[in-house]
Amino acid sequence: MQQAIELIKKYYQAFNDGDMDTFLSLLTDDVVHDINQGGREQGKAAFGEFMKKMNHHYKEQLVDMVVMANEDGSRGAAEFVVLGEYLNTDEGLPEANGQTYRLPAGAFFEIRDGKVARITNYYNLGDWIAQVDPQA
């Protein structure tokens, strides 16, 4: 259990540090990524491309982190708050002009061989849109 918690903390520390090499090294090659209110992608390369896109459009830090894991360390969860800045307009979303946002979020993990094998992210997209485009 403690190894799973430490893995998830390391994963989010690498995210907060902008250290994509370490971040991606914590994933299995066949990692499954369930995108919030979106599709499912598989593989480390696809996840890396997703993160390039995200880092172009958004600058985020995760705070108030709480991490949990089951007894055998095969599954975990994290609850946190996203402090973000909307840098560049993302397709199908409101226009970006440096808006900031504060968004509660969470994620569920499957862990295999000491790495993240699945991550499923959740946040309220309607809340995010209301924060970056109050006229929406």
C-alpha atoms as a PDB file:
ATOM      1  CA  MET A   1       0.000   0.000   0.000  1.00  0.00           C
ATOM      2  CA  GLN A   2       2.720   2.486   0.945  1.00  0.00           C
ATOM      3  CA  GLN A   3       4.605   1.869  -2.332  1.00  0.00           C
ATOM      4  CA  ALA A   4       1.448   2.695  -4.302  1.00  0.00           C
ATOM      5  CA  ILE A   5       0.940   5.900  -2.339  1.00  0.00           C
ATOM      6  CA  GLU A   6       4.575   6.909  -2.889  1.00  0.00           C
ATOM      7  CA  LEU A   7       4.289   6.145  -6.634  1.00  0.00           C
ATOM      8  CA  ILE A   8       1.206   8.357  -6.973  1.00  0.00           C
ATOM      9  CA  LYS A   9       2.866  11.157  -4.989  1.00  0.00           C
ATOM     10  CA  LYS A  10       5.964  10.905  -7.206  1.00  0.00           C
ATOM     11  CA  TYR A  11       3.720  10.977 -10.306  1.00  0.00           C
ATOM     12  CA  TYR A  12       2.061  14.213  -9.187  1.00  0.00           C
ATOM     13  CA  GLN A  13       5.335  15.751  -7.990  1.00  0.00           C
ATOM     14  CA  ALA A  14       6.779  15.195 -11.478  1.00  0.00           C
ATOM     15  CA  PHE A  15       3.623  16.771 -12.946  1.00  0.00           C
ATOM     16  CA  ASN A  16       3.915  19.815 -10.673  1.00  0.00           C
ATOM     17  CA  ASP A  17       7.632  20.115 -11.478  1.00  0.00           C
ATOM     18  CA  GLY A  18       6.944  19.959 -15.228  1.00  0.00           C
ATOM     19  CA  ASP A  19       9.312  16.979 -15.385  1.00  0.00           C
ATOM     20  CA  MET A  20       7.702  15.039 -18.226  1.00  0.00           C
ATOM     21  CA  ASP A  21      10.597  12.557 -18.495  1.00  0.00           C
ATOM     22  CA  THR A  22      10.111  11.402 -14.894  1.00  0.00           C
ATOM     23  CA  PHE A  23       6.329  11.662 -15.225  1.00  0.00           C
ATOM     24  CA  LEU A  24       6.240   9.348 -18.260  1.00  0.00           C
ATOM     25  CA  SER A  25       8.826   6.973 -16.762  1.00  0.00           C
ATOM     26  CA  LEU A  26       6.309   6.118 -14.030  1.00  0.00           C
ATOM     27  CA  LEU A  27       3.864   4.649 -16.578  1.00  0.00           C
ATOM     28  CA  THR A  28       3.705   1.133 -18.004  1.00  0.00           C
ATOM     29  CA  ASP A  29       4.284   0.980 -21.769  1.00  0.00           C
ATOM     30  CA  ASP A  30       0.643  -0.079 -22.254  1.00  0.00           C
ATOM     31  CA  VAL A  31      -0.824   2.484 -19.825  1.00  0.00           C
ATOM     32  CA  VAL A  32      -4.551   3.165 -20.204  1.00  0.00           C
ATOM     33  CA  HIS A  33      -5.604   6.811 -19.892  1.00  0.00           C
ATOM     34  CA  ASP A  34      -9.280   7.623 -19.408  1.00  0.00           C
ATOM     35  CA  ILE A  35      -9.659  11.294 -20.308  1.00  0.00           C
ATOM     36  CA  ASN A  36     -12.181  13.295 -18.292  1.00  0.00           C
ATOM     37  CA  GLN A  37     -15.516  13.313 -20.145  1.00  0.00           C
ATOM     38  CA  GLY A  38     -13.665  11.987 -23.179  1.00  0.00           C
ATOM     39  CA  GLY A  39     -12.233   8.875 -24.692  1.00  0.00           C
ATOM     40  CA  ARG A  40      -9.724   6.251 -23.697  1.00  0.00           C
ATOM     41  CA  GLU A  41      -6.166   6.188 -24.987  1.00  0.00           C
ATOM     42  CA  GLN A  42      -3.619   3.430 -24.592  1.00  0.00           C
ATOM     43  CA  GLY A  43       0.160   3.480 -24.549  1.00  0.00           C
ATOM     44  CA  LYS A  44       2.892   5.686 -23.165  1.00  0.00           C
ATOM     45  CA  ALA A  45       3.413   7.417 -26.531  1.00  0.00           C
ATOM     46  CA  ALA A  46      -0.255   8.466 -26.719  1.00  0.00           C
ATOM     47  CA  PHE A  47      -0.108   9.719 -23.124  1.00  0.00           C
ATOM     48  CA  GLY A  48       3.033  11.720 -23.949  1.00  0.00           C
ATOM     49  CA  GLU A  49       1.281  13.372 -26.904  1.00  0.00           C
ATOM     50  CA  PHE A  50      -1.727  14.158 -24.704  1.00  0.00           C
ATOM     51  CA  MET A  51       0.552  15.818 -22.158  1.00  0.00           C
ATOM     52  CA  LYS A  52       2.298  17.904 -24.857  1.00  0.00           C
ATOM     53  CA  LYS A  53      -1.106  19.220 -25.902  1.00  0.00           C
ATOM     54  CA  MET A  54      -2.172  19.865 -22.313  1.00  0.00           C
ATOM     55  CA  ASN A  55       1.055  21.685 -21.473  1.00  0.00           C
ATOM     56  CA  HIS A  56       0.570  23.909 -24.527  1.00  0.00           C
ATOM     57  CA  HIS A  57      -2.962  24.907 -23.520  1.00  0.00           C
ATOM     58  CA  TYR A  58      -2.772  24.907 -19.721  1.00  0.00           C
ATOM     59  CA  LYS A  59      -0.342  25.666 -16.904  1.00  0.00           C
ATOM     60  CA  GLU A  60      -1.425  23.765 -13.800  1.00  0.00           C
ATOM     61  CA  GLN A  61      -0.315  22.981 -10.274  1.00  0.00           C
ATOM     62  CA  LEU A  62      -2.056  20.424  -8.096  1.00  0.00           C
ATOM     63  CA  VAL A  63      -2.492  21.261  -4.402  1.00  0.00           C
ATOM     64  CA  ASP A  64      -4.297  19.943  -1.318  1.00  0.00           C
ATOM     65  CA  MET A  65      -3.430  16.393  -2.409  1.00  0.00           C
ATOM     66  CA  VAL A  66      -4.844  13.369  -0.596  1.00  0.00           C
ATOM     67  CA  VAL A  67      -3.638   9.957  -1.829  1.00  0.00           C
ATOM     68  CA  MET A  68      -5.150   6.580  -0.945  1.00  0.00           C
ATOM     69  CA  ALA A  69      -4.420   2.973  -1.929  1.00  0.00           C
ATOM     70  CA  ASN A  70      -5.884  -0.454  -1.328  1.00  0.00           C
ATOM     71  CA  GLU A  71      -4.092  -2.970   0.901  1.00  0.00           C
ATOM     72  CA  ASP A  72      -2.207  -4.815  -1.835  1.00  0.00           C
ATOM     73  CA  GLY A  73      -1.198  -1.588  -3.614  1.00  0.00           C
ATOM     74  CA  SER A  74      -2.797  -2.549  -6.933  1.00  0.00           C
ATOM     75  CA  ARG A  75      -5.213   0.393  -6.963  1.00  0.00           C
ATOM     76  CA  GLY A  76      -5.077   3.948  -5.725  1.00  0.00           C
ATOM     77  CA  ALA A  77      -6.873   7.247  -5.804  1.00  0.00           C
ATOM     78  CA  ALA A  78      -6.040  10.911  -5.371  1.00  0.00           C
ATOM     79  CA  GLU A  79      -8.173  13.942  -4.623  1.00  0.00           C
ATOM     80  CA  PHE A  80      -6.744  17.409  -5.193  1.00  0.00           C
ATOM     81  CA  VAL A  81      -7.376  20.957  -6.347  1.00  0.00           C
ATOM     82  CA  VAL A  82      -6.120  22.152  -9.734  1.00  0.00           C
ATOM     83  CA  LEU A  83      -4.795  25.712  -9.789  1.00  0.00           C
ATOM     84  CA  GLY A  84      -4.530  26.595 -13.433  1.00  0.00           C
ATOM     85  CA  GLU A  85      -4.049  29.163 -16.128  1.00  0.00           C
ATOM     86  CA  TYR A  86      -5.651  28.785 -19.566  1.00  0.00           C
ATOM     87  CA  LEU A  87      -2.810  29.722 -21.922  1.00  0.00           C
ATOM     88  CA  ASN A  88      -3.916  28.848 -25.471  1.00  0.00           C
ATOM     89  CA  THR A  89      -7.385  28.079 -26.821  1.00  0.00           C
ATOM     90  CA  ASP A  90      -8.165  24.362 -26.824  1.00  0.00           C
ATOM     91  CA  GLU A  91     -10.345  23.096 -29.681  1.00  0.00           C
ATOM     92  CA  GLY A  92     -14.056  23.146 -28.855  1.00  0.00           C
ATOM     93  CA  LEU A  93     -13.568  25.142 -25.653  1.00  0.00           C
ATOM     94  CA  PRO A  94     -13.859  28.864 -24.819  1.00  0.00           C
ATOM     95  CA  GLU A  95     -11.186  31.265 -26.039  1.00  0.00           C
ATOM     96  CA  ALA A  96      -8.081  31.459 -23.865  1.00  0.00           C
ATOM     97  CA  ASN A  97      -6.735  34.769 -22.626  1.00  0.00           C
ATOM     98  CA  GLY A  98      -4.803  33.804 -19.506  1.00  0.00           C
ATOM     99  CA  GLN A  99      -7.850  33.071 -17.323  1.00  0.00           C
ATOM    100  CA  THR A 100      -7.109  31.394 -14.006  1.00  0.00           C
ATOM    101  CA  TYR A 101      -9.171  28.662 -12.404  1.00  0.00           C
ATOM    102  CA  ARG A 102      -9.439  26.605  -9.229  1.00  0.00           C
ATOM    103  CA  LEU A 103     -10.982  23.210  -9.813  1.00  0.00           C
ATOM    104  CA  PRO A 104     -11.568  20.231  -7.512  1.00  0.00           C
ATOM    105  CA  ALA A 105     -10.512  17.000  -9.232  1.00  0.00           C
ATOM    106  CA  GLY A 106      -9.662  13.381  -8.655  1.00  0.00           C
ATOM    107  CA  ALA A 107      -8.058  10.381 -10.268  1.00  0.00           C
ATOM    108  CA  PHE A 108      -8.155   6.612  -9.977  1.00  0.00           C
ATOM    109  CA  PHE A 109      -5.127   4.413 -10.620  1.00  0.00           C
ATOM    110  CA  GLU A 110      -4.338   0.815 -11.411  1.00  0.00           C
ATOM    111  CA  ILE A 111      -0.777  -0.080 -10.467  1.00  0.00           C
ATOM    112  CA  ARG A 112       1.233  -2.962 -11.918  1.00  0.00           C
ATOM    113  CA  ASP A 113       4.906  -3.818 -11.405  1.00  0.00           C
ATOM    114  CA  GLY A 114       5.507  -0.559  -9.535  1.00  0.00           C
ATOM    115  CA  LYS A 115       4.163   1.647 -12.326  1.00  0.00           C
ATOM    116  CA  VAL A 116       0.894   3.334 -13.261  1.00  0.00           C
ATOM    117  CA  ALA A 117      -1.012   1.008 -15.611  1.00  0.00           C
ATOM    118  CA  ARG A 118      -4.269   3.004 -15.722  1.00  0.00           C
ATOM    119  CA  ILE A 119      -5.288   6.513 -14.770  1.00  0.00           C
ATOM    120  CA  THR A 120      -8.841   7.776 -14.895  1.00  0.00           C
ATOM    121  CA  ASN A 121      -9.258  11.527 -14.315  1.00  0.00           C
ATOM    122  CA  TYR A 122     -12.396  13.334 -13.166  1.00  0.00           C
ATOM    123  CA  TYR A 123     -13.317  16.991 -12.811  1.00  0.00           C
ATOM    124  CA  ASN A 124     -16.403  19.077 -13.504  1.00  0.00           C
ATOM    125  CA  LEU A 125     -15.979  20.486 -17.017  1.00  0.00           C
ATOM    126  CA  GLY A 126     -19.027  22.749 -16.563  1.00  0.00           C
ATOM    127  CA  ASP A 127     -17.402  24.316 -13.502  1.00  0.00           C
ATOM    128  CA  TRP A 128     -14.180  24.900 -15.454  1.00  0.00           C
ATOM    129  CA  ILE A 129     -16.061  26.505 -18.359  1.00  0.00           C
ATOM    130  CA  ALA A 130     -17.982  28.778 -15.966  1.00  0.00           C
ATOM    131  CA  GLN A 131     -14.684  29.931 -14.474  1.00  0.00           C
ATOM    132  CA  VAL A 132     -12.931  30.690 -17.784  1.00  0.00           C
ATOM    133  CA  ASP A 133     -16.003  31.999 -19.667  1.00  0.00           C
ATOM    134  CA  PRO A 134     -18.539  33.543 -17.249  1.00  0.00           C
ATOM    135  CA  GLN A 135     -20.823  34.477 -20.204  1.00  0.00           C
ATOM    136  CA  ALA A 136     -21.177  30.828 -21.265  1.00  0.00           C
END
